[in-house]
């Protein structure tokens, strides 16, 4: 019988909570309207996402199917920062 030695290396990995974005209200750019021209959609609207269960993309990059009341959560700081850097006025 042969004696075998086994070495086990254990690496600790710090897990980040990717669910943090679920605790915020996000800003979705649904489209824009040039000075002279028709509305140009940039993706699914939040209403469309809720009705058809289609994903939307927030300014911060989060992609999800909207289904919660946005008024219950604070505004995503990354979305807010992006919107303000574009010179957009945010409702209070």
PDB file of N, CA and C in Angstrom:
ATOM      1  N   UNK A   1       0.835  -1.165   0.000  1.00  0.00           N
ATOM      2  CA  UNK A   1       0.000   0.000   0.000  1.00  0.00           C
ATOM      3  C   UNK A   1       0.894   1.247   0.000  1.00  0.00           C
ATOM      4  N   UNK A   2       0.510   2.257  -0.803  1.00  0.00           N
ATOM      5  CA  UNK A   2       1.291   3.479  -0.921  1.00  0.00           C
ATOM      6  C   UNK A   2       0.678   4.568  -0.058  1.00  0.00           C
ATOM      7  N   UNK A   3       1.537   5.326   0.590  1.00  0.00           N
ATOM      8  CA  UNK A   3       1.079   6.457   1.398  1.00  0.00           C
ATOM      9  C   UNK A   3       1.048   7.704   0.515  1.00  0.00           C
ATOM     10  N   UNK A   4      -0.097   8.342   0.379  1.00  0.00           N
ATOM     11  CA  UNK A   4      -0.220   9.551  -0.434  1.00  0.00           C
ATOM     12  C   UNK A   4      -0.411  10.757   0.468  1.00  0.00           C
ATOM     13  N   UNK A   5       0.283  11.839   0.126  1.00  0.00           N
ATOM     14  CA  UNK A   5       0.095  13.091   0.849  1.00  0.00           C
ATOM     15  C   UNK A   5      -0.732  14.024  -0.014  1.00  0.00           C
ATOM     16  N   UNK A   6      -1.691  14.661   0.595  1.00  0.00           N
ATOM     17  CA  UNK A   6      -2.532  15.598  -0.128  1.00  0.00           C
ATOM     18  C   UNK A   6      -2.387  16.969   0.502  1.00  0.00           C
ATOM     19  N   UNK A   7      -2.158  17.969  -0.339  1.00  0.00           N
ATOM     20  CA  UNK A   7      -2.077  19.347   0.129  1.00  0.00           C
ATOM     21  C   UNK A   7      -3.302  20.076  -0.373  1.00  0.00           C
ATOM     22  N   UNK A   8      -3.978  20.744   0.515  1.00  0.00           N
ATOM     23  CA  UNK A   8      -5.156  21.510   0.149  1.00  0.00           C
ATOM     24  C   UNK A   8      -4.844  22.981   0.348  1.00  0.00           C
ATOM     25  N   UNK A   9      -4.988  23.752  -0.729  1.00  0.00           N
ATOM     26  CA  UNK A   9      -4.804  25.196  -0.643  1.00  0.00           C
ATOM     27  C   UNK A   9      -6.164  25.849  -0.534  1.00  0.00           C
ATOM     28  N   UNK A  10      -6.328  26.680   0.460  1.00  0.00           N
ATOM     29  CA  UNK A  10      -7.590  27.378   0.664  1.00  0.00           C
ATOM     30  C   UNK A  10      -7.360  28.853   0.400  1.00  0.00           C
ATOM     31  N   UNK A  11      -8.154  29.398  -0.514  1.00  0.00           N
ATOM     32  CA  UNK A  11      -8.060  30.814  -0.842  1.00  0.00           C
ATOM     33  C   UNK A  11      -9.343  31.484  -0.397  1.00  0.00           C
ATOM     34  N   UNK A  12      -9.203  32.548   0.366  1.00  0.00           N
ATOM     35  CA  UNK A  12     -10.382  33.290   0.790  1.00  0.00           C
ATOM     36  C   UNK A  12     -10.723  34.324  -0.267  1.00  0.00           C
ATOM     37  N   UNK A  13     -11.976  34.364  -0.624  1.00  0.00           N
ATOM     38  CA  UNK A  13     -12.457  35.318  -1.610  1.00  0.00           C
ATOM     39  C   UNK A  13     -13.497  36.194  -0.941  1.00  0.00           C
ATOM     40  N   UNK A  14     -13.283  37.498  -1.030  1.00  0.00           N
ATOM     41  CA  UNK A  14     -14.248  38.424  -0.451  1.00  0.00           C
ATOM     42  C   UNK A  14     -15.401  38.595  -1.430  1.00  0.00           C
ATOM     43  N   UNK A  15     -16.584  38.248  -1.005  1.00  0.00           N
ATOM     44  CA  UNK A  15     -17.762  38.372  -1.849  1.00  0.00           C
ATOM     45  C   UNK A  15     -18.396  39.738  -1.632  1.00  0.00           C
ATOM     46  N   UNK A  16     -18.765  40.372  -2.708  1.00  0.00           N
ATOM     47  CA  UNK A  16     -19.462  41.643  -2.592  1.00  0.00           C
ATOM     48  C   UNK A  16     -20.936  41.396  -2.810  1.00  0.00           C
ATOM     49  N   UNK A  17     -21.745  42.196  -2.205  1.00  0.00           N
ATOM     50  CA  UNK A  17     -23.184  42.042  -2.319  1.00  0.00           C
ATOM     51  C   UNK A  17     -23.661  42.715  -3.593  1.00  0.00           C
ATOM     52  N   UNK A  18     -23.845  41.949  -4.649  1.00  0.00           N
ATOM     53  CA  UNK A  18     -24.291  42.499  -5.921  1.00  0.00           C
ATOM     54  C   UNK A  18     -25.752  42.948  -5.846  1.00  0.00           C
ATOM     55  N   UNK A  19     -26.453  42.598  -4.787  1.00  0.00           N
ATOM     56  CA  UNK A  19     -27.843  42.984  -4.634  1.00  0.00           C
ATOM     57  C   UNK A  19     -28.037  44.409  -4.153  1.00  0.00           C
ATOM     58  N   UNK A  20     -26.931  45.134  -3.899  1.00  0.00           N
ATOM     59  CA  UNK A  20     -27.049  46.506  -3.419  1.00  0.00           C
ATOM     60  C   UNK A  20     -27.851  47.374  -4.375  1.00  0.00           C
ATOM     61  N   UNK A  21     -27.725  47.121  -5.664  1.00  0.00           N
ATOM     62  CA  UNK A  21     -28.449  47.929  -6.643  1.00  0.00           C
ATOM     63  C   UNK A  21     -29.959  47.715  -6.544  1.00  0.00           C
ATOM     64  N   UNK A  22     -30.380  46.622  -5.922  1.00  0.00           N
ATOM     65  CA  UNK A  22     -31.811  46.368  -5.771  1.00  0.00           C
ATOM     66  C   UNK A  22     -32.433  47.244  -4.697  1.00  0.00           C
ATOM     67  N   UNK A  23     -31.610  47.911  -3.921  1.00  0.00           N
ATOM     68  CA  UNK A  23     -32.114  48.740  -2.835  1.00  0.00           C
ATOM     69  C   UNK A  23     -32.260  50.198  -3.238  1.00  0.00           C
ATOM     70  N   UNK A  24     -32.131  50.493  -4.522  1.00  0.00           N
ATOM     71  CA  UNK A  24     -32.195  51.859  -5.006  1.00  0.00           C
ATOM     72  C   UNK A  24     -33.227  52.013  -6.117  1.00  0.00           C
ATOM     73  N   UNK A  25     -33.660  53.255  -6.293  1.00  0.00           N
ATOM     74  CA  UNK A  25     -34.439  53.636  -7.460  1.00  0.00           C
ATOM     75  C   UNK A  25     -33.432  54.084  -8.506  1.00  0.00           C
ATOM     76  N   UNK A  26     -33.576  53.583  -9.722  1.00  0.00           N
ATOM     77  CA  UNK A  26     -32.624  53.891 -10.785  1.00  0.00           C
ATOM     78  C   UNK A  26     -33.244  54.803 -11.828  1.00  0.00           C
ATOM     79  N   UNK A  27     -32.390  55.503 -12.565  1.00  0.00           N
ATOM     80  CA  UNK A  27     -32.838  56.375 -13.647  1.00  0.00           C
ATOM     81  C   UNK A  27     -32.621  55.641 -14.959  1.00  0.00           C
ATOM     82  N   UNK A  28     -33.689  55.539 -15.755  1.00  0.00           N
ATOM     83  CA  UNK A  28     -33.624  54.872 -17.055  1.00  0.00           C
ATOM     84  C   UNK A  28     -33.827  55.927 -18.135  1.00  0.00           C
ATOM     85  N   UNK A  29     -32.876  56.034 -19.048  1.00  0.00           N
ATOM     86  CA  UNK A  29     -33.013  56.938 -20.184  1.00  0.00           C
ATOM     87  C   UNK A  29     -33.800  56.189 -21.251  1.00  0.00           C
ATOM     88  N   UNK A  30     -35.029  56.604 -21.452  1.00  0.00           N
ATOM     89  CA  UNK A  30     -35.905  55.911 -22.390  1.00  0.00           C
ATOM     90  C   UNK A  30     -35.772  56.461 -23.802  1.00  0.00           C
ATOM     91  N   UNK A  31     -35.191  57.638 -23.939  1.00  0.00           N
ATOM     92  CA  UNK A  31     -35.023  58.241 -25.249  1.00  0.00           C
ATOM     93  C   UNK A  31     -34.736  59.718 -25.104  1.00  0.00           C
ATOM     94  N   UNK A  32     -34.648  60.409 -26.229  1.00  0.00           N
ATOM     95  CA  UNK A  32     -34.404  61.846 -26.195  1.00  0.00           C
ATOM     96  C   UNK A  32     -35.066  62.497 -27.398  1.00  0.00           C
ATOM     97  N   UNK A  33     -35.208  63.787 -27.316  1.00  0.00           N
ATOM     98  CA  UNK A  33     -35.810  64.546 -28.405  1.00  0.00           C
ATOM     99  C   UNK A  33     -34.867  65.687 -28.771  1.00  0.00           C
ATOM    100  N   UNK A  34     -34.317  65.647 -29.990  1.00  0.00           N
ATOM    101  CA  UNK A  34     -33.457  66.746 -30.424  1.00  0.00           C
ATOM    102  C   UNK A  34     -34.253  68.046 -30.474  1.00  0.00           C
ATOM    103  N   UNK A  35     -33.562  69.173 -30.546  1.00  0.00           N
ATOM    104  CA  UNK A  35     -34.241  70.477 -30.585  1.00  0.00           C
ATOM    105  C   UNK A  35     -35.356  70.516 -31.619  1.00  0.00           C
ATOM    106  N   UNK A  36     -35.088  70.020 -32.787  1.00  0.00           N
ATOM    107  CA  UNK A  36     -36.110  69.981 -33.835  1.00  0.00           C
ATOM    108  C   UNK A  36     -36.189  68.550 -34.343  1.00  0.00           C
ATOM    109  N   UNK A  37     -37.180  67.823 -33.868  1.00  0.00           N
ATOM    110  CA  UNK A  37     -37.294  66.445 -34.325  1.00  0.00           C
ATOM    111  C   UNK A  37     -38.188  65.612 -33.436  1.00  0.00           C
ATOM    112  N   UNK A  38     -38.383  64.407 -33.873  1.00  0.00           N
ATOM    113  CA  UNK A  38     -39.232  63.469 -33.143  1.00  0.00           C
ATOM    114  C   UNK A  38     -38.453  62.806 -32.009  1.00  0.00           C
ATOM    115  N   UNK A  39     -39.196  62.230 -31.081  1.00  0.00           N
ATOM    116  CA  UNK A  39     -38.624  61.483 -29.966  1.00  0.00           C
ATOM    117  C   UNK A  39     -37.880  60.269 -30.508  1.00  0.00           C
ATOM    118  N   UNK A  40     -36.661  60.053 -30.028  1.00  0.00           N
ATOM    119  CA  UNK A  40     -35.849  58.918 -30.461  1.00  0.00           C
ATOM    120  C   UNK A  40     -35.685  57.973 -29.271  1.00  0.00           C
ATOM    121  N   UNK A  41     -36.297  56.786 -29.324  1.00  0.00           N
ATOM    122  CA  UNK A  41     -36.164  55.848 -28.206  1.00  0.00           C
ATOM    123  C   UNK A  41     -34.747  55.262 -28.133  1.00  0.00           C
ATOM    124  N   UNK A  42     -34.273  55.028 -26.919  1.00  0.00           N
ATOM    125  CA  UNK A  42     -32.952  54.428 -26.735  1.00  0.00           C
ATOM    126  C   UNK A  42     -33.045  53.018 -26.177  1.00  0.00           C
ATOM    127  N   UNK A  43     -34.238  52.573 -25.857  1.00  0.00           N
ATOM    128  CA  UNK A  43     -34.416  51.234 -25.299  1.00  0.00           C
ATOM    129  C   UNK A  43     -35.815  51.086 -24.759  1.00  0.00           C
ATOM    130  N   UNK A  44     -36.022  50.002 -24.033  1.00  0.00           N
ATOM    131  CA  UNK A  44     -37.332  49.754 -23.446  1.00  0.00           C
ATOM    132  C   UNK A  44     -37.666  50.816 -22.403  1.00  0.00           C
ATOM    133  N   UNK A  45     -38.935  51.182 -22.335  1.00  0.00           N
ATOM    134  CA  UNK A  45     -39.375  52.105 -21.291  1.00  0.00           C
ATOM    135  C   UNK A  45     -39.659  51.306 -20.023  1.00  0.00           C
ATOM    136  N   UNK A  46     -39.696  51.983 -18.899  1.00  0.00           N
ATOM    137  CA  UNK A  46     -39.982  51.326 -17.630  1.00  0.00           C
ATOM    138  C   UNK A  46     -41.382  50.719 -17.657  1.00  0.00           C
ATOM    139  N   UNK A  47     -42.344  51.447 -18.201  1.00  0.00           N
ATOM    140  CA  UNK A  47     -43.716  50.930 -18.282  1.00  0.00           C
ATOM    141  C   UNK A  47     -43.750  49.674 -19.149  1.00  0.00           C
ATOM    142  N   UNK A  48     -43.084  49.727 -20.284  1.00  0.00           N
ATOM    143  CA  UNK A  48     -43.016  48.551 -21.161  1.00  0.00           C
ATOM    144  C   UNK A  48     -42.373  47.374 -20.426  1.00  0.00           C
ATOM    145  N   UNK A  49     -41.324  47.659 -19.676  1.00  0.00           N
ATOM    146  CA  UNK A  49     -40.658  46.613 -18.910  1.00  0.00           C
ATOM    147  C   UNK A  49     -41.568  45.975 -17.887  1.00  0.00           C
ATOM    148  N   UNK A  50     -42.382  46.798 -17.230  1.00  0.00           N
ATOM    149  CA  UNK A  50     -43.305  46.273 -16.220  1.00  0.00           C
ATOM    150  C   UNK A  50     -44.417  45.446 -16.863  1.00  0.00           C
ATOM    151  N   UNK A  51     -44.950  45.921 -17.969  1.00  0.00           N
ATOM    152  CA  UNK A  51     -46.072  45.229 -18.612  1.00  0.00           C
ATOM    153  C   UNK A  51     -45.629  43.953 -19.319  1.00  0.00           C
ATOM    154  N   UNK A  52     -44.536  44.060 -20.085  1.00  0.00           N
ATOM    155  CA  UNK A  52     -44.097  42.931 -20.908  1.00  0.00           C
ATOM    156  C   UNK A  52     -42.981  42.104 -20.278  1.00  0.00           C
ATOM    157  N   UNK A  53     -42.579  42.453 -19.072  1.00  0.00           N
ATOM    158  CA  UNK A  53     -41.488  41.767 -18.373  1.00  0.00           C
ATOM    159  C   UNK A  53     -40.213  41.773 -19.212  1.00  0.00           C
ATOM    160  N   UNK A  54     -39.904  42.937 -19.798  1.00  0.00           N
ATOM    161  CA  UNK A  54     -38.678  43.088 -20.579  1.00  0.00           C
ATOM    162  C   UNK A  54     -37.687  43.932 -19.779  1.00  0.00           C
ATOM    163  N   UNK A  55     -36.402  43.617 -19.854  1.00  0.00           N
ATOM    164  CA  UNK A  55     -35.413  44.343 -19.060  1.00  0.00           C
ATOM    165  C   UNK A  55     -35.166  45.764 -19.564  1.00  0.00           C
ATOM    166  N   UNK A  56     -34.789  46.624 -18.629  1.00  0.00           N
ATOM    167  CA  UNK A  56     -34.403  48.005 -18.928  1.00  0.00           C
ATOM    168  C   UNK A  56     -32.993  48.201 -18.392  1.00  0.00           C
ATOM    169  N   UNK A  57     -32.316  49.266 -18.862  1.00  0.00           N
ATOM    170  CA  UNK A  57     -30.952  49.557 -18.410  1.00  0.00           C
ATOM    171  C   UNK A  57     -30.924  50.930 -17.753  1.00  0.00           C
ATOM    172  N   UNK A  58     -30.390  50.978 -16.538  1.00  0.00           N
ATOM    173  CA  UNK A  58     -30.258  52.230 -15.799  1.00  0.00           C
ATOM    174  C   UNK A  58     -28.984  52.957 -16.225  1.00  0.00           C
ATOM    175  N   UNK A  59     -28.889  54.221 -15.873  1.00  0.00           N
ATOM    176  CA  UNK A  59     -27.693  55.008 -16.182  1.00  0.00           C
ATOM    177  C   UNK A  59     -26.443  54.404 -15.561  1.00  0.00           C
ATOM    178  N   UNK A  60     -26.594  53.733 -14.426  1.00  0.00           N
ATOM    179  CA  UNK A  60     -25.451  53.122 -13.744  1.00  0.00           C
ATOM    180  C   UNK A  60     -25.039  51.802 -14.379  1.00  0.00           C
ATOM    181  N   UNK A  61     -25.851  51.301 -15.302  1.00  0.00           N
ATOM    182  CA  UNK A  61     -25.526  50.045 -15.977  1.00  0.00           C
ATOM    183  C   UNK A  61     -26.341  48.855 -15.517  1.00  0.00           C
ATOM    184  N   UNK A  62     -27.076  48.988 -14.431  1.00  0.00           N
ATOM    185  CA  UNK A  62     -27.894  47.869 -13.946  1.00  0.00           C
ATOM    186  C   UNK A  62     -28.965  47.545 -14.977  1.00  0.00           C
ATOM    187  N   UNK A  63     -29.133  46.252 -15.253  1.00  0.00           N
ATOM    188  CA  UNK A  63     -30.176  45.772 -16.163  1.00  0.00           C
ATOM    189  C   UNK A  63     -31.105  44.890 -15.343  1.00  0.00           C
ATOM    190  N   UNK A  64     -32.402  45.172 -15.402  1.00  0.00           N
ATOM    191  CA  UNK A  64     -33.377  44.409 -14.633  1.00  0.00           C
ATOM    192  C   UNK A  64     -34.757  44.592 -15.226  1.00  0.00           C
ATOM    193  N   UNK A  65     -35.668  43.736 -14.784  1.00  0.00           N
ATOM    194  CA  UNK A  65     -37.070  43.872 -15.165  1.00  0.00           C
ATOM    195  C   UNK A  65     -37.755  44.621 -14.027  1.00  0.00           C
ATOM    196  N   UNK A  66     -38.237  45.841 -14.284  1.00  0.00           N
ATOM    197  CA  UNK A  66     -38.851  46.629 -13.207  1.00  0.00           C
ATOM    198  C   UNK A  66     -40.152  46.003 -12.724  1.00  0.00           C
ATOM    199  N   UNK A  67     -40.307  45.974 -11.394  1.00  0.00           N
ATOM    200  CA  UNK A  67     -41.540  45.410 -10.840  1.00  0.00           C
ATOM    201  C   UNK A  67     -41.870  45.955  -9.452  1.00  0.00           C
ATOM    202  N   UNK A  68     -41.083  46.888  -8.939  1.00  0.00           N
ATOM    203  CA  UNK A  68     -41.320  47.423  -7.601  1.00  0.00           C
ATOM    204  C   UNK A  68     -41.671  48.900  -7.664  1.00  0.00           C
ATOM    205  N   UNK A  69     -42.248  49.402  -6.582  1.00  0.00           N
ATOM    206  CA  UNK A  69     -42.595  50.813  -6.490  1.00  0.00           C
ATOM    207  C   UNK A  69     -41.321  51.624  -6.217  1.00  0.00           C
ATOM    208  N   UNK A  70     -40.903  52.389  -7.196  1.00  0.00           N
ATOM    209  CA  UNK A  70     -39.649  53.145  -7.099  1.00  0.00           C
ATOM    210  C   UNK A  70     -39.676  54.188  -5.994  1.00  0.00           C
ATOM    211  N   UNK A  71     -40.840  54.637  -5.591  1.00  0.00           N
ATOM    212  CA  UNK A  71     -40.940  55.680  -4.561  1.00  0.00           C
ATOM    213  C   UNK A  71     -40.509  55.183  -3.190  1.00  0.00           C
ATOM    214  N   UNK A  72     -40.407  53.879  -3.013  1.00  0.00           N
ATOM    215  CA  UNK A  72     -40.058  53.316  -1.714  1.00  0.00           C
ATOM    216  C   UNK A  72     -38.555  53.285  -1.449  1.00  0.00           C
ATOM    217  N   UNK A  73     -37.742  53.598  -2.455  1.00  0.00           N
ATOM    218  CA  UNK A  73     -36.303  53.439  -2.326  1.00  0.00           C
ATOM    219  C   UNK A  73     -35.569  54.741  -2.626  1.00  0.00           C
ATOM    220  N   UNK A  74     -34.382  54.917  -2.051  1.00  0.00           N
ATOM    221  CA  UNK A  74     -33.593  56.128  -2.347  1.00  0.00           C
ATOM    222  C   UNK A  74     -33.001  56.047  -3.759  1.00  0.00           C
ATOM    223  N   UNK A  75     -32.662  57.190  -4.307  1.00  0.00           N
ATOM    224  CA  UNK A  75     -32.097  57.272  -5.647  1.00  0.00           C
ATOM    225  C   UNK A  75     -30.688  56.701  -5.673  1.00  0.00           C
ATOM    226  N   UNK A  76     -30.391  55.908  -6.670  1.00  0.00           N
ATOM    227  CA  UNK A  76     -29.062  55.313  -6.859  1.00  0.00           C
ATOM    228  C   UNK A  76     -28.038  56.442  -6.988  1.00  0.00           C
ATOM    229  N   UNK A  77     -27.001  56.459  -6.154  1.00  0.00           N
ATOM    230  CA  UNK A  77     -26.019  57.538  -6.220  1.00  0.00           C
ATOM    231  C   UNK A  77     -25.272  57.590  -7.552  1.00  0.00           C
ATOM    232  N   UNK A  78     -25.035  56.447  -8.170  1.00  0.00           N
ATOM    233  CA  UNK A  78     -24.336  56.434  -9.455  1.00  0.00           C
ATOM    234  C   UNK A  78     -25.215  57.014 -10.549  1.00  0.00           C
ATOM    235  N   UNK A  79     -26.501  56.627 -10.580  1.00  0.00           N
ATOM    236  CA  UNK A  79     -27.436  57.195 -11.558  1.00  0.00           C
ATOM    237  C   UNK A  79     -27.536  58.707 -11.378  1.00  0.00           C
ATOM    238  N   UNK A  80     -27.616  59.140 -10.122  1.00  0.00           N
ATOM    239  CA  UNK A  80     -27.723  60.567  -9.825  1.00  0.00           C
ATOM    240  C   UNK A  80     -26.486  61.313 -10.316  1.00  0.00           C
ATOM    241  N   UNK A  81     -25.316  60.746 -10.059  1.00  0.00           N
ATOM    242  CA  UNK A  81     -24.065  61.372 -10.475  1.00  0.00           C
ATOM    243  C   UNK A  81     -23.991  61.495 -12.005  1.00  0.00           C
ATOM    244  N   UNK A  82     -24.389  60.441 -12.709  1.00  0.00           N
ATOM    245  CA  UNK A  82     -24.375  60.472 -14.175  1.00  0.00           C
ATOM    246  C   UNK A  82     -25.338  61.531 -14.694  1.00  0.00           C
ATOM    247  N   UNK A  83     -26.557  61.558 -14.132  1.00  0.00           N
ATOM    248  CA  UNK A  83     -27.572  62.517 -14.578  1.00  0.00           C
ATOM    249  C   UNK A  83     -27.107  63.953 -14.336  1.00  0.00           C
ATOM    250  N   UNK A  84     -26.554  64.223 -13.166  1.00  0.00           N
ATOM    251  CA  UNK A  84     -26.089  65.573 -12.859  1.00  0.00           C
ATOM    252  C   UNK A  84     -24.900  65.970 -13.732  1.00  0.00           C
ATOM    253  N   UNK A  85     -24.049  65.005 -14.077  1.00  0.00           N
ATOM    254  CA  UNK A  85     -22.912  65.326 -14.934  1.00  0.00           C
ATOM    255  C   UNK A  85     -23.359  65.680 -16.352  1.00  0.00           C
ATOM    256  N   UNK A  86     -24.561  65.221 -16.724  1.00  0.00           N
ATOM    257  CA  UNK A  86     -25.128  65.553 -18.031  1.00  0.00           C
ATOM    258  C   UNK A  86     -25.890  66.878 -17.981  1.00  0.00           C
ATOM    259  N   UNK A  87     -26.004  67.469 -16.783  1.00  0.00           N
ATOM    260  CA  UNK A  87     -26.694  68.736 -16.627  1.00  0.00           C
ATOM    261  C   UNK A  87     -28.204  68.591 -16.509  1.00  0.00           C
ATOM    262  N   UNK A  88     -28.670  67.382 -16.220  1.00  0.00           N
ATOM    263  CA  UNK A  88     -30.106  67.153 -16.085  1.00  0.00           C
ATOM    264  C   UNK A  88     -30.579  67.560 -14.696  1.00  0.00           C
ATOM    265  N   UNK A  89     -31.775  68.109 -14.632  1.00  0.00           N
ATOM    266  CA  UNK A  89     -32.381  68.468 -13.356  1.00  0.00           C
ATOM    267  C   UNK A  89     -33.189  67.282 -12.861  1.00  0.00           C
ATOM    268  N   UNK A  90     -32.962  66.910 -11.607  1.00  0.00           N
ATOM    269  CA  UNK A  90     -33.658  65.758 -11.030  1.00  0.00           C
ATOM    270  C   UNK A  90     -34.782  66.243 -10.142  1.00  0.00           C
ATOM    271  N   UNK A  91     -35.934  65.561 -10.194  1.00  0.00           N
ATOM    272  CA  UNK A  91     -37.023  65.940  -9.294  1.00  0.00           C
ATOM    273  C   UNK A  91     -36.648  65.630  -7.853  1.00  0.00           C
ATOM    274  N   UNK A  92     -37.194  66.389  -6.939  1.00  0.00           N
ATOM    275  CA  UNK A  92     -36.893  66.194  -5.513  1.00  0.00           C
ATOM    276  C   UNK A  92     -37.622  65.023  -4.955  1.00  0.00           C
TER     277      UNK A  92
END
